[in-house]
Amino acid sequence: MTSGSINDRNFFREGLKVSDSNFLIKVGFMRRGINVPFLVFLIMFCLTSFYGQGQSCVDFEALEDGTTFSPGGIIDISYDVSMSVRHSTGANSGGAGSVSVLTDMYEGLDGLMLKTDNALALFKTKRKISNLTIALKEVGGEVEVHVDKDKRTFPSIAYLEGSSVGAAKLSLVYGTEGQPVGVTITGSFDECAIGGTQVWLDNLCTSGMTVAGR
């Protein structure tokens, strides 16, 4: 096939053909073929420029020790992860509730951590979240998990294993001695809140698809 021009009335009819002999795509206005794997790579690059898979992890070390957050307001805890405080809706919740930044030591948690008192830490990212994992220690009372508009309250951390909140699935992360030290939430959601009567949180990791302009 000879190369054509934009003004060639046969351009759109004959301008794109696949050669069985060399598996090259030949375009009417180009003198050279495009290698098929390269073309696939180019298309994927363009797609990921708009919808890109990414991951973010934060450990709350950037927050100030001793700070207490009440419901209302948004705290940027990394370049693409924000946190706010939500009221607890559990049966044993009482008072306004708060989330504090404190130092303590549990397996899977170290340095600065978040401690919820009858409240939840609500996390949002610039992505549509498909996976969220956070170190978690419940030291008495209920554990609450909210995923988008769906909410559930559990008697203790052990009840999270195999449970669901809306369409999201929960599974526990276990420590070296077999005790639960965190939770993983999988699905497709915009925001997730975790907390309860008295829950410690640390080392948050989220992954999902970045949507351009979000």
N, C-alpha and C. Protein backbone atom coordinates (compact mmCIF):
# COMPACT_ATOMS: atom_id res chain seq x y z
N MET A 1 0.85 -1.20 0.00
CA MET A 1 0.00 0.00 0.00
C MET A 1 0.88 1.23 0.00
N THR A 2 0.59 2.18 -0.86
CA THR A 2 1.36 3.41 -0.87
C THR A 2 0.80 4.36 0.15
N SER A 3 1.66 5.26 0.61
CA SER A 3 1.21 6.21 1.63
C SER A 3 0.28 7.22 0.99
N GLY A 4 -0.75 7.61 1.74
CA GLY A 4 -1.72 8.55 1.23
C GLY A 4 -1.64 9.87 1.93
N SER A 5 -2.53 10.75 1.65
CA SER A 5 -2.58 12.05 2.30
C SER A 5 -3.93 12.21 2.95
N ILE A 6 -4.04 13.23 3.79
CA ILE A 6 -5.32 13.47 4.46
C ILE A 6 -6.41 13.78 3.44
N ASN A 7 -6.01 14.36 2.30
CA ASN A 7 -6.99 14.72 1.29
C ASN A 7 -7.38 13.56 0.39
N ASP A 8 -6.68 12.46 0.49
CA ASP A 8 -6.98 11.28 -0.32
C ASP A 8 -8.31 10.70 0.13
N ARG A 9 -9.28 10.60 -0.79
CA ARG A 9 -10.60 10.12 -0.40
C ARG A 9 -10.61 8.65 -0.02
N ASN A 10 -9.56 7.92 -0.38
CA ASN A 10 -9.44 6.52 0.02
C ASN A 10 -8.67 6.35 1.32
N PHE A 11 -8.26 7.46 1.92
CA PHE A 11 -7.41 7.39 3.11
C PHE A 11 -8.07 6.61 4.23
N PHE A 12 -9.31 6.95 4.58
CA PHE A 12 -9.98 6.30 5.71
C PHE A 12 -10.40 4.88 5.38
N ARG A 13 -10.56 4.56 4.09
CA ARG A 13 -10.94 3.22 3.70
C ARG A 13 -9.74 2.28 3.68
N GLU A 14 -8.59 2.78 3.23
CA GLU A 14 -7.43 1.95 3.03
C GLU A 14 -6.26 2.33 3.95
N GLY A 15 -6.48 3.31 4.78
CA GLY A 15 -5.37 3.84 5.57
C GLY A 15 -4.91 2.94 6.69
N LEU A 16 -5.70 1.95 7.11
CA LEU A 16 -5.30 1.08 8.22
C LEU A 16 -5.44 -0.37 7.81
N LYS A 17 -4.31 -1.06 7.70
CA LYS A 17 -4.31 -2.47 7.34
C LYS A 17 -3.31 -3.21 8.19
N VAL A 18 -3.56 -4.50 8.40
CA VAL A 18 -2.64 -5.33 9.17
C VAL A 18 -1.98 -6.31 8.22
N SER A 19 -0.64 -6.32 8.22
CA SER A 19 0.11 -7.22 7.35
C SER A 19 0.33 -8.54 8.08
N ASP A 20 -0.15 -9.66 7.49
CA ASP A 20 0.03 -10.96 8.10
C ASP A 20 1.48 -11.41 8.06
N SER A 21 2.26 -10.87 7.13
CA SER A 21 3.63 -11.34 6.98
C SER A 21 4.58 -10.83 8.03
N ASN A 22 4.41 -9.63 8.50
CA ASN A 22 5.35 -9.08 9.49
C ASN A 22 4.68 -8.53 10.74
N PHE A 23 3.34 -8.76 10.87
CA PHE A 23 2.60 -8.34 12.06
C PHE A 23 2.85 -6.87 12.39
N LEU A 24 2.91 -6.04 11.37
CA LEU A 24 3.05 -4.61 11.56
C LEU A 24 1.76 -3.92 11.19
N ILE A 25 1.43 -2.92 11.95
CA ILE A 25 0.27 -2.10 11.59
C ILE A 25 0.76 -0.96 10.71
N LYS A 26 0.18 -0.81 9.54
CA LYS A 26 0.59 0.25 8.64
C LYS A 26 -0.53 1.28 8.54
N VAL A 27 -0.15 2.51 8.73
CA VAL A 27 -1.10 3.60 8.72
C VAL A 27 -0.87 4.41 7.47
N GLY A 28 -1.94 4.89 6.83
CA GLY A 28 -1.85 5.51 5.53
C GLY A 28 -0.90 6.67 5.43
N PHE A 29 -0.84 7.52 6.48
CA PHE A 29 0.00 8.70 6.40
C PHE A 29 1.40 8.45 6.93
N MET A 30 1.76 7.19 7.27
CA MET A 30 3.09 6.86 7.78
C MET A 30 3.82 5.99 6.79
N ARG A 31 5.11 6.17 6.65
CA ARG A 31 5.93 5.39 5.75
C ARG A 31 6.47 4.13 6.42
N ARG A 32 6.44 4.10 7.76
CA ARG A 32 6.96 2.96 8.49
C ARG A 32 5.87 2.31 9.32
N GLY A 33 5.98 1.03 9.54
CA GLY A 33 5.01 0.32 10.35
C GLY A 33 5.26 0.54 11.83
N ILE A 34 4.23 0.25 12.66
CA ILE A 34 4.34 0.34 14.11
C ILE A 34 4.30 -1.07 14.67
N ASN A 35 5.28 -1.41 15.46
CA ASN A 35 5.31 -2.73 16.08
C ASN A 35 4.12 -2.90 17.01
N VAL A 36 3.42 -4.03 16.88
CA VAL A 36 2.20 -4.24 17.65
C VAL A 36 2.42 -4.16 19.16
N PRO A 37 3.43 -4.85 19.73
CA PRO A 37 3.64 -4.71 21.19
C PRO A 37 3.88 -3.27 21.62
N PHE A 38 4.60 -2.51 20.78
CA PHE A 38 4.84 -1.11 21.12
C PHE A 38 3.54 -0.33 21.12
N LEU A 39 2.67 -0.63 20.13
CA LEU A 39 1.39 0.05 20.07
C LEU A 39 0.55 -0.24 21.31
N VAL A 40 0.55 -1.49 21.75
CA VAL A 40 -0.18 -1.87 22.97
C VAL A 40 0.37 -1.11 24.16
N PHE A 41 1.71 -1.03 24.27
CA PHE A 41 2.34 -0.29 25.36
C PHE A 41 1.92 1.17 25.32
N LEU A 42 1.88 1.76 24.12
CA LEU A 42 1.51 3.17 23.98
C LEU A 42 0.08 3.41 24.44
N ILE A 43 -0.82 2.49 24.07
CA ILE A 43 -2.22 2.63 24.50
C ILE A 43 -2.34 2.52 26.02
N MET A 44 -1.63 1.54 26.61
CA MET A 44 -1.68 1.37 28.07
C MET A 44 -1.10 2.57 28.78
N PHE A 45 -0.05 3.17 28.21
CA PHE A 45 0.54 4.36 28.82
C PHE A 45 -0.47 5.50 28.85
N CYS A 46 -1.20 5.68 27.74
CA CYS A 46 -2.20 6.74 27.68
C CYS A 46 -3.32 6.50 28.68
N LEU A 47 -3.73 5.22 28.81
CA LEU A 47 -4.80 4.91 29.76
C LEU A 47 -4.37 5.15 31.19
N THR A 48 -3.15 4.75 31.53
CA THR A 48 -2.70 4.92 32.92
C THR A 48 -2.38 6.37 33.23
N SER A 49 -2.24 7.21 32.22
CA SER A 49 -2.08 8.64 32.46
C SER A 49 -3.37 9.23 32.98
N PHE A 50 -4.50 8.57 32.62
CA PHE A 50 -5.81 9.07 33.09
C PHE A 50 -6.30 8.28 34.29
N TYR A 51 -6.17 6.95 34.21
CA TYR A 51 -6.53 6.08 35.32
C TYR A 51 -5.28 5.30 35.71
N GLY A 52 -4.61 5.69 36.82
CA GLY A 52 -3.37 5.05 37.19
C GLY A 52 -3.48 4.28 38.49
N GLN A 53 -2.94 3.08 38.51
CA GLN A 53 -2.91 2.29 39.73
C GLN A 53 -1.83 2.86 40.64
N GLY A 54 -2.14 3.05 41.91
CA GLY A 54 -1.15 3.60 42.82
C GLY A 54 -1.38 3.12 44.24
N GLN A 55 -0.39 3.38 45.09
CA GLN A 55 -0.46 2.98 46.49
C GLN A 55 0.10 4.08 47.37
N SER A 56 -0.49 4.24 48.54
CA SER A 56 -0.01 5.21 49.52
C SER A 56 0.05 4.56 50.88
N CYS A 57 1.12 4.83 51.62
CA CYS A 57 1.26 4.34 52.99
C CYS A 57 1.64 5.50 53.90
N VAL A 58 1.00 5.60 55.05
CA VAL A 58 1.32 6.64 56.02
C VAL A 58 1.37 6.01 57.41
N ASP A 59 2.22 6.56 58.28
CA ASP A 59 2.37 6.01 59.63
C ASP A 59 2.07 7.04 60.72
N PHE A 60 1.52 8.20 60.33
CA PHE A 60 1.07 9.24 61.25
C PHE A 60 2.21 9.95 61.99
N GLU A 61 3.46 9.68 61.60
CA GLU A 61 4.59 10.34 62.26
C GLU A 61 4.63 11.85 61.99
N ALA A 62 3.96 12.28 60.93
CA ALA A 62 3.96 13.72 60.61
C ALA A 62 3.01 14.51 61.52
N LEU A 63 2.14 13.82 62.24
CA LEU A 63 1.23 14.50 63.16
C LEU A 63 1.94 14.82 64.48
N GLU A 64 1.41 15.76 65.21
CA GLU A 64 2.04 16.21 66.46
C GLU A 64 1.55 15.39 67.64
N ASP A 65 2.50 14.86 68.39
CA ASP A 65 2.18 14.04 69.56
C ASP A 65 1.33 14.84 70.55
N GLY A 66 0.28 14.21 71.06
CA GLY A 66 -0.59 14.85 72.04
C GLY A 66 -1.74 15.62 71.45
N THR A 67 -1.81 15.73 70.12
CA THR A 67 -2.91 16.46 69.48
C THR A 67 -4.19 15.63 69.55
N THR A 68 -5.30 16.31 69.81
CA THR A 68 -6.61 15.67 69.84
C THR A 68 -7.50 16.32 68.79
N PHE A 69 -8.11 15.47 67.95
CA PHE A 69 -9.00 15.96 66.89
C PHE A 69 -10.44 15.61 67.23
N SER A 70 -11.31 16.58 67.09
CA SER A 70 -12.75 16.37 67.29
C SER A 70 -13.44 16.30 65.93
N PRO A 71 -14.67 15.80 65.89
CA PRO A 71 -15.38 15.75 64.61
C PRO A 71 -15.46 17.12 63.96
N GLY A 72 -15.26 17.13 62.65
CA GLY A 72 -15.26 18.37 61.89
C GLY A 72 -13.86 18.73 61.43
N GLY A 73 -13.74 19.21 60.22
CA GLY A 73 -12.45 19.58 59.69
C GLY A 73 -11.74 18.39 59.05
N ILE A 74 -10.80 18.69 58.18
CA ILE A 74 -10.04 17.68 57.44
C ILE A 74 -8.56 17.91 57.67
N ILE A 75 -7.82 16.83 57.96
CA ILE A 75 -6.38 16.90 58.21
C ILE A 75 -5.66 16.17 57.07
N ASP A 76 -4.78 16.85 56.37
CA ASP A 76 -3.98 16.21 55.33
C ASP A 76 -2.81 15.51 56.01
N ILE A 77 -2.76 14.20 55.94
CA ILE A 77 -1.69 13.46 56.62
C ILE A 77 -0.63 12.97 55.65
N SER A 78 -0.86 13.14 54.35
CA SER A 78 0.17 12.89 53.34
C SER A 78 -0.25 13.63 52.09
N TYR A 79 0.53 13.50 51.02
CA TYR A 79 0.22 14.27 49.81
C TYR A 79 -1.10 13.87 49.17
N ASP A 80 -1.60 12.66 49.42
CA ASP A 80 -2.88 12.28 48.82
C ASP A 80 -3.80 11.53 49.77
N VAL A 81 -3.52 11.57 51.08
CA VAL A 81 -4.40 10.94 52.06
C VAL A 81 -4.85 12.00 53.06
N SER A 82 -6.15 12.10 53.26
CA SER A 82 -6.70 13.03 54.25
C SER A 82 -7.49 12.26 55.29
N MET A 83 -7.61 12.87 56.46
CA MET A 83 -8.32 12.24 57.57
C MET A 83 -9.26 13.25 58.20
N SER A 84 -10.41 12.76 58.63
CA SER A 84 -11.31 13.56 59.44
C SER A 84 -11.87 12.65 60.53
N VAL A 85 -12.58 13.22 61.48
CA VAL A 85 -13.10 12.45 62.61
C VAL A 85 -14.61 12.36 62.50
N ARG A 86 -15.14 11.16 62.69
CA ARG A 86 -16.57 10.91 62.59
C ARG A 86 -17.09 10.42 63.93
N HIS A 87 -18.30 10.84 64.28
CA HIS A 87 -18.94 10.38 65.52
C HIS A 87 -19.15 8.87 65.49
N SER A 88 -18.99 8.24 66.62
CA SER A 88 -19.31 6.83 66.75
C SER A 88 -20.82 6.63 66.77
N THR A 89 -21.26 5.55 66.15
CA THR A 89 -22.70 5.23 66.16
C THR A 89 -22.99 3.94 66.91
N GLY A 90 -21.96 3.40 67.59
CA GLY A 90 -22.13 2.15 68.31
C GLY A 90 -23.04 2.29 69.52
N ALA A 91 -23.52 1.15 69.98
CA ALA A 91 -24.45 1.15 71.11
C ALA A 91 -23.80 1.68 72.38
N ASN A 92 -22.49 1.48 72.51
CA ASN A 92 -21.80 1.91 73.73
C ASN A 92 -21.10 3.25 73.59
N SER A 93 -21.35 3.94 72.49
CA SER A 93 -20.71 5.24 72.30
C SER A 93 -21.28 6.25 73.27
N GLY A 94 -20.46 7.17 73.68
CA GLY A 94 -20.91 8.21 74.59
C GLY A 94 -20.08 9.46 74.42
N GLY A 95 -20.70 10.61 74.59
CA GLY A 95 -19.98 11.86 74.44
C GLY A 95 -19.71 12.18 72.98
N ALA A 96 -18.98 13.26 72.78
CA ALA A 96 -18.72 13.74 71.42
C ALA A 96 -17.73 12.87 70.68
N GLY A 97 -16.79 12.25 71.41
CA GLY A 97 -15.79 11.41 70.78
C GLY A 97 -14.64 12.23 70.22
N SER A 98 -13.47 11.58 70.08
CA SER A 98 -12.29 12.26 69.56
C SER A 98 -11.28 11.23 69.09
N VAL A 99 -10.29 11.71 68.34
CA VAL A 99 -9.15 10.90 67.92
C VAL A 99 -7.89 11.62 68.34
N SER A 100 -7.01 10.94 69.09
CA SER A 100 -5.80 11.55 69.61
C SER A 100 -4.56 10.93 68.98
N VAL A 101 -3.50 11.74 68.90
CA VAL A 101 -2.20 11.27 68.43
C VAL A 101 -1.34 11.00 69.65
N LEU A 102 -0.97 9.74 69.87
CA LEU A 102 -0.24 9.36 71.07
C LEU A 102 0.87 8.37 70.73
N THR A 103 1.76 8.16 71.68
CA THR A 103 2.82 7.18 71.52
C THR A 103 2.56 6.01 72.46
N ASP A 104 2.60 4.81 71.91
CA ASP A 104 2.47 3.60 72.72
C ASP A 104 3.13 2.48 71.94
N MET A 105 3.09 1.26 72.44
CA MET A 105 3.78 0.17 71.77
C MET A 105 2.95 -1.10 71.83
N TYR A 106 2.52 -1.55 70.67
CA TYR A 106 1.87 -2.84 70.51
C TYR A 106 2.52 -3.53 69.32
N GLU A 107 2.37 -4.83 69.21
CA GLU A 107 2.92 -5.52 68.05
C GLU A 107 2.23 -5.01 66.79
N GLY A 108 3.03 -4.60 65.81
CA GLY A 108 2.50 -4.05 64.58
C GLY A 108 2.28 -2.56 64.64
N LEU A 109 2.40 -1.96 65.81
CA LEU A 109 2.22 -0.53 65.98
C LEU A 109 3.42 0.03 66.74
N ASP A 110 3.95 1.16 66.29
CA ASP A 110 5.03 1.81 67.02
C ASP A 110 5.07 3.29 66.65
N GLY A 111 5.81 4.05 67.44
CA GLY A 111 5.88 5.49 67.19
C GLY A 111 4.56 6.16 67.47
N LEU A 112 4.22 7.16 66.67
CA LEU A 112 2.96 7.88 66.85
C LEU A 112 1.82 7.09 66.23
N MET A 113 0.73 7.00 66.98
CA MET A 113 -0.44 6.27 66.53
C MET A 113 -1.69 7.10 66.79
N LEU A 114 -2.80 6.65 66.25
CA LEU A 114 -4.09 7.27 66.50
C LEU A 114 -4.85 6.45 67.52
N LYS A 115 -5.43 7.10 68.49
CA LYS A 115 -6.27 6.44 69.49
C LYS A 115 -7.67 7.03 69.40
N THR A 116 -8.64 6.16 69.10
CA THR A 116 -10.02 6.63 68.99
C THR A 116 -10.74 6.44 70.32
N ASP A 117 -11.49 7.45 70.72
CA ASP A 117 -12.34 7.39 71.91
C ASP A 117 -13.77 7.68 71.47
N ASN A 118 -14.56 6.61 71.30
CA ASN A 118 -15.94 6.77 70.85
C ASN A 118 -16.03 7.60 69.57
N ALA A 119 -15.12 7.33 68.66
CA ALA A 119 -15.08 8.05 67.39
C ALA A 119 -14.38 7.18 66.36
N LEU A 120 -14.42 7.63 65.11
CA LEU A 120 -13.76 6.92 64.02
C LEU A 120 -12.85 7.88 63.26
N ALA A 121 -11.74 7.35 62.77
CA ALA A 121 -10.88 8.10 61.86
C ALA A 121 -11.32 7.78 60.44
N LEU A 122 -11.74 8.79 59.71
CA LEU A 122 -12.23 8.62 58.35
C LEU A 122 -11.13 8.98 57.36
N PHE A 123 -10.78 8.03 56.49
CA PHE A 123 -9.69 8.23 55.54
C PHE A 123 -10.23 8.33 54.12
N LYS A 124 -9.69 9.30 53.37
CA LYS A 124 -10.00 9.45 51.95
C LYS A 124 -8.70 9.66 51.19
N THR A 125 -8.67 9.21 49.94
CA THR A 125 -7.50 9.44 49.09
C THR A 125 -7.97 10.01 47.75
N LYS A 126 -7.02 10.26 46.87
CA LYS A 126 -7.35 10.73 45.54
C LYS A 126 -7.73 9.58 44.61
N ARG A 127 -7.81 8.39 45.18
CA ARG A 127 -8.10 7.21 44.39
C ARG A 127 -9.47 6.62 44.71
N LYS A 128 -9.93 5.79 43.83
CA LYS A 128 -11.01 4.86 44.14
C LYS A 128 -10.33 3.68 44.81
N ILE A 129 -10.54 3.51 46.10
CA ILE A 129 -9.77 2.55 46.88
C ILE A 129 -10.24 1.13 46.58
N SER A 130 -9.28 0.25 46.33
CA SER A 130 -9.60 -1.17 46.14
C SER A 130 -9.08 -2.02 47.29
N ASN A 131 -8.11 -1.49 48.04
CA ASN A 131 -7.53 -2.25 49.14
C ASN A 131 -7.04 -1.29 50.20
N LEU A 132 -7.43 -1.51 51.44
CA LEU A 132 -6.96 -0.70 52.57
C LEU A 132 -6.54 -1.64 53.69
N THR A 133 -5.31 -1.45 54.17
CA THR A 133 -4.80 -2.24 55.30
C THR A 133 -4.31 -1.28 56.38
N ILE A 134 -4.67 -1.56 57.61
CA ILE A 134 -4.23 -0.70 58.72
C ILE A 134 -3.97 -1.57 59.95
N ALA A 135 -2.87 -1.24 60.65
CA ALA A 135 -2.60 -1.90 61.92
C ALA A 135 -3.63 -1.43 62.94
N LEU A 136 -4.12 -2.36 63.74
CA LEU A 136 -5.25 -2.06 64.62
C LEU A 136 -5.10 -2.84 65.92
N LYS A 137 -5.38 -2.16 67.01
CA LYS A 137 -5.39 -2.80 68.34
C LYS A 137 -6.62 -2.31 69.09
N GLU A 138 -7.49 -3.25 69.43
CA GLU A 138 -8.69 -2.90 70.20
C GLU A 138 -8.40 -3.26 71.66
N VAL A 139 -8.58 -2.27 72.54
CA VAL A 139 -8.25 -2.49 73.95
C VAL A 139 -9.48 -2.40 74.84
N GLY A 140 -10.61 -2.72 74.30
CA GLY A 140 -11.83 -2.73 75.10
C GLY A 140 -12.98 -2.04 74.39
N GLY A 141 -14.10 -2.73 74.29
CA GLY A 141 -15.27 -2.12 73.68
C GLY A 141 -15.43 -2.50 72.21
N GLU A 142 -16.32 -1.79 71.55
CA GLU A 142 -16.71 -2.12 70.19
C GLU A 142 -15.72 -1.58 69.15
N VAL A 143 -15.77 -2.21 67.98
CA VAL A 143 -15.01 -1.75 66.82
C VAL A 143 -16.00 -1.42 65.72
N GLU A 144 -15.86 -0.24 65.14
CA GLU A 144 -16.75 0.18 64.06
C GLU A 144 -15.98 0.31 62.75
N VAL A 145 -16.62 -0.09 61.67
CA VAL A 145 -16.06 0.09 60.34
C VAL A 145 -17.16 0.67 59.44
N HIS A 146 -16.86 1.80 58.80
CA HIS A 146 -17.76 2.41 57.84
C HIS A 146 -17.08 2.40 56.48
N VAL A 147 -17.77 1.94 55.47
CA VAL A 147 -17.26 1.96 54.10
C VAL A 147 -18.29 2.70 53.24
N ASP A 148 -17.91 3.89 52.78
CA ASP A 148 -18.86 4.78 52.11
C ASP A 148 -20.07 4.97 53.03
N LYS A 149 -21.28 4.64 52.57
CA LYS A 149 -22.47 4.86 53.40
C LYS A 149 -22.86 3.67 54.26
N ASP A 150 -22.14 2.58 54.12
CA ASP A 150 -22.45 1.38 54.89
C ASP A 150 -21.70 1.38 56.22
N LYS A 151 -22.36 0.98 57.30
CA LYS A 151 -21.77 1.04 58.64
C LYS A 151 -22.06 -0.26 59.39
N ARG A 152 -21.03 -0.74 60.10
CA ARG A 152 -21.24 -1.90 60.96
C ARG A 152 -20.46 -1.74 62.26
N THR A 153 -21.03 -2.27 63.33
CA THR A 153 -20.39 -2.27 64.63
C THR A 153 -20.16 -3.71 65.06
N PHE A 154 -18.95 -4.01 65.55
CA PHE A 154 -18.57 -5.37 65.95
C PHE A 154 -18.24 -5.39 67.44
N PRO A 155 -18.57 -6.48 68.15
CA PRO A 155 -18.29 -6.55 69.59
C PRO A 155 -16.80 -6.46 69.92
N SER A 156 -15.94 -6.95 69.01
CA SER A 156 -14.49 -6.89 69.22
C SER A 156 -13.82 -7.10 67.87
N ILE A 157 -12.49 -6.95 67.84
CA ILE A 157 -11.74 -7.09 66.60
C ILE A 157 -11.88 -8.48 65.99
N ALA A 158 -12.06 -9.51 66.81
CA ALA A 158 -12.14 -10.88 66.30
C ALA A 158 -13.30 -11.06 65.33
N TYR A 159 -14.37 -10.28 65.50
CA TYR A 159 -15.55 -10.42 64.66
C TYR A 159 -15.36 -9.84 63.26
N LEU A 160 -14.26 -9.13 63.03
CA LEU A 160 -14.03 -8.56 61.70
C LEU A 160 -13.69 -9.63 60.67
N GLU A 161 -13.05 -10.71 61.11
CA GLU A 161 -12.59 -11.75 60.19
C GLU A 161 -13.74 -12.34 59.38
N GLY A 162 -13.62 -12.24 58.04
CA GLY A 162 -14.62 -12.82 57.15
C GLY A 162 -15.91 -12.04 57.04
N SER A 163 -16.00 -10.89 57.71
CA SER A 163 -17.22 -10.10 57.65
C SER A 163 -17.21 -9.18 56.43
N SER A 164 -18.33 -8.51 56.22
CA SER A 164 -18.43 -7.55 55.13
C SER A 164 -19.12 -6.30 55.63
N VAL A 165 -18.78 -5.18 54.99
CA VAL A 165 -19.46 -3.91 55.24
C VAL A 165 -19.91 -3.41 53.87
N GLY A 166 -21.20 -3.51 53.60
CA GLY A 166 -21.67 -3.27 52.25
C GLY A 166 -21.07 -4.33 51.33
N ALA A 167 -20.45 -3.88 50.23
CA ALA A 167 -19.82 -4.81 49.30
C ALA A 167 -18.36 -5.07 49.63
N ALA A 168 -17.82 -4.37 50.63
CA ALA A 168 -16.40 -4.53 51.00
C ALA A 168 -16.22 -5.74 51.91
N LYS A 169 -15.11 -6.45 51.73
CA LYS A 169 -14.79 -7.64 52.52
C LYS A 169 -13.68 -7.33 53.52
N LEU A 170 -13.81 -7.88 54.72
CA LEU A 170 -12.83 -7.66 55.79
C LEU A 170 -12.08 -8.95 56.09
N SER A 171 -10.78 -8.82 56.31
CA SER A 171 -9.97 -9.96 56.76
C SER A 171 -8.92 -9.45 57.72
N LEU A 172 -8.62 -10.24 58.74
CA LEU A 172 -7.66 -9.82 59.76
C LEU A 172 -6.24 -10.15 59.34
N VAL A 173 -5.30 -9.32 59.82
CA VAL A 173 -3.87 -9.58 59.69
C VAL A 173 -3.39 -10.08 61.05
N TYR A 174 -2.64 -11.18 61.06
CA TYR A 174 -2.25 -11.80 62.33
C TYR A 174 -0.77 -11.62 62.62
N GLY A 175 -0.44 -11.50 63.92
CA GLY A 175 0.93 -11.32 64.36
C GLY A 175 1.66 -12.65 64.51
N THR A 176 2.87 -12.57 65.03
CA THR A 176 3.72 -13.75 65.13
C THR A 176 3.18 -14.79 66.10
N GLU A 177 2.37 -14.36 67.05
CA GLU A 177 1.80 -15.30 68.02
C GLU A 177 0.35 -15.64 67.72
N GLY A 178 -0.09 -15.29 66.50
CA GLY A 178 -1.43 -15.66 66.08
C GLY A 178 -2.53 -14.70 66.49
N GLN A 179 -2.19 -13.59 67.11
CA GLN A 179 -3.20 -12.64 67.52
C GLN A 179 -3.43 -11.62 66.40
N PRO A 180 -4.66 -11.08 66.27
CA PRO A 180 -4.92 -10.10 65.22
C PRO A 180 -4.20 -8.77 65.50
N VAL A 181 -3.53 -8.24 64.48
CA VAL A 181 -2.80 -6.98 64.63
C VAL A 181 -3.21 -5.96 63.58
N GLY A 182 -4.16 -6.29 62.75
CA GLY A 182 -4.59 -5.35 61.72
C GLY A 182 -5.76 -5.89 60.94
N VAL A 183 -6.26 -5.08 60.02
CA VAL A 183 -7.38 -5.49 59.18
C VAL A 183 -7.14 -5.02 57.75
N THR A 184 -7.57 -5.83 56.80
CA THR A 184 -7.53 -5.48 55.38
C THR A 184 -8.96 -5.40 54.87
N ILE A 185 -9.26 -4.34 54.15
CA ILE A 185 -10.59 -4.13 53.59
C ILE A 185 -10.45 -4.05 52.07
N THR A 186 -11.15 -4.92 51.36
CA THR A 186 -11.06 -4.95 49.91
C THR A 186 -12.44 -4.70 49.29
N GLY A 187 -12.43 -4.05 48.14
CA GLY A 187 -13.67 -3.73 47.45
C GLY A 187 -13.42 -2.62 46.46
N SER A 188 -14.36 -1.72 46.34
CA SER A 188 -14.21 -0.53 45.52
C SER A 188 -14.99 0.58 46.21
N PHE A 189 -14.27 1.51 46.85
CA PHE A 189 -14.95 2.51 47.67
C PHE A 189 -14.15 3.81 47.69
N ASP A 190 -14.82 4.88 48.10
CA ASP A 190 -14.22 6.21 48.12
C ASP A 190 -13.63 6.60 49.47
N GLU A 191 -14.21 6.08 50.54
CA GLU A 191 -13.74 6.43 51.87
C GLU A 191 -14.01 5.30 52.84
N CYS A 192 -13.23 5.30 53.93
CA CYS A 192 -13.37 4.25 54.94
C CYS A 192 -13.06 4.85 56.30
N ALA A 193 -13.89 4.51 57.28
CA ALA A 193 -13.70 4.99 58.64
C ALA A 193 -13.56 3.79 59.58
N ILE A 194 -12.59 3.89 60.50
CA ILE A 194 -12.33 2.81 61.45
C ILE A 194 -12.15 3.43 62.84
N GLY A 195 -12.70 2.77 63.83
CA GLY A 195 -12.54 3.26 65.20
C GLY A 195 -13.44 2.48 66.14
N GLY A 196 -13.97 3.21 67.13
CA GLY A 196 -14.84 2.56 68.09
C GLY A 196 -14.63 3.10 69.48
N THR A 197 -14.93 2.25 70.47
CA THR A 197 -14.86 2.67 71.86
C THR A 197 -13.44 3.09 72.23
N GLN A 198 -12.48 2.21 71.99
CA GLN A 198 -11.08 2.53 72.26
C GLN A 198 -10.21 1.66 71.34
N VAL A 199 -9.79 2.22 70.23
CA VAL A 199 -9.06 1.50 69.20
C VAL A 199 -7.80 2.29 68.83
N TRP A 200 -6.69 1.57 68.71
CA TRP A 200 -5.43 2.16 68.28
C TRP A 200 -5.20 1.83 66.81
N LEU A 201 -4.75 2.82 66.03
CA LEU A 201 -4.54 2.65 64.60
C LEU A 201 -3.14 3.12 64.21
N ASP A 202 -2.54 2.43 63.23
CA ASP A 202 -1.21 2.82 62.76
C ASP A 202 -0.99 2.21 61.37
N ASN A 203 0.03 2.75 60.67
CA ASN A 203 0.53 2.16 59.42
C ASN A 203 -0.59 1.86 58.42
N LEU A 204 -1.17 2.92 57.89
CA LEU A 204 -2.24 2.82 56.90
C LEU A 204 -1.66 2.69 55.50
N CYS A 205 -2.13 1.71 54.73
CA CYS A 205 -1.76 1.58 53.32
C CYS A 205 -3.03 1.42 52.49
N THR A 206 -3.12 2.19 51.41
CA THR A 206 -4.26 2.08 50.49
C THR A 206 -3.74 1.93 49.08
N SER A 207 -4.50 1.24 48.26
CA SER A 207 -4.19 1.16 46.84
C SER A 207 -5.49 1.22 46.06
N GLY A 208 -5.36 1.65 44.81
CA GLY A 208 -6.55 1.77 43.97
C GLY A 208 -6.25 2.53 42.71
N MET A 209 -7.31 2.89 41.98
CA MET A 209 -7.15 3.55 40.71
C MET A 209 -7.27 5.06 40.89
N THR A 210 -6.25 5.78 40.41
CA THR A 210 -6.28 7.24 40.45
C THR A 210 -7.12 7.74 39.29
N VAL A 211 -8.08 8.60 39.59
CA VAL A 211 -8.94 9.17 38.56
C VAL A 211 -8.51 10.60 38.30
N ALA A 212 -8.22 10.91 37.05
CA ALA A 212 -7.73 12.24 36.70
C ALA A 212 -8.70 13.31 37.15
N GLY A 213 -8.15 14.37 37.73
CA GLY A 213 -8.95 15.51 38.17
C GLY A 213 -9.54 15.34 39.55
N ARG A 214 -9.30 14.22 40.17
CA ARG A 214 -9.88 13.98 41.49
C ARG A 214 -9.03 14.60 42.57
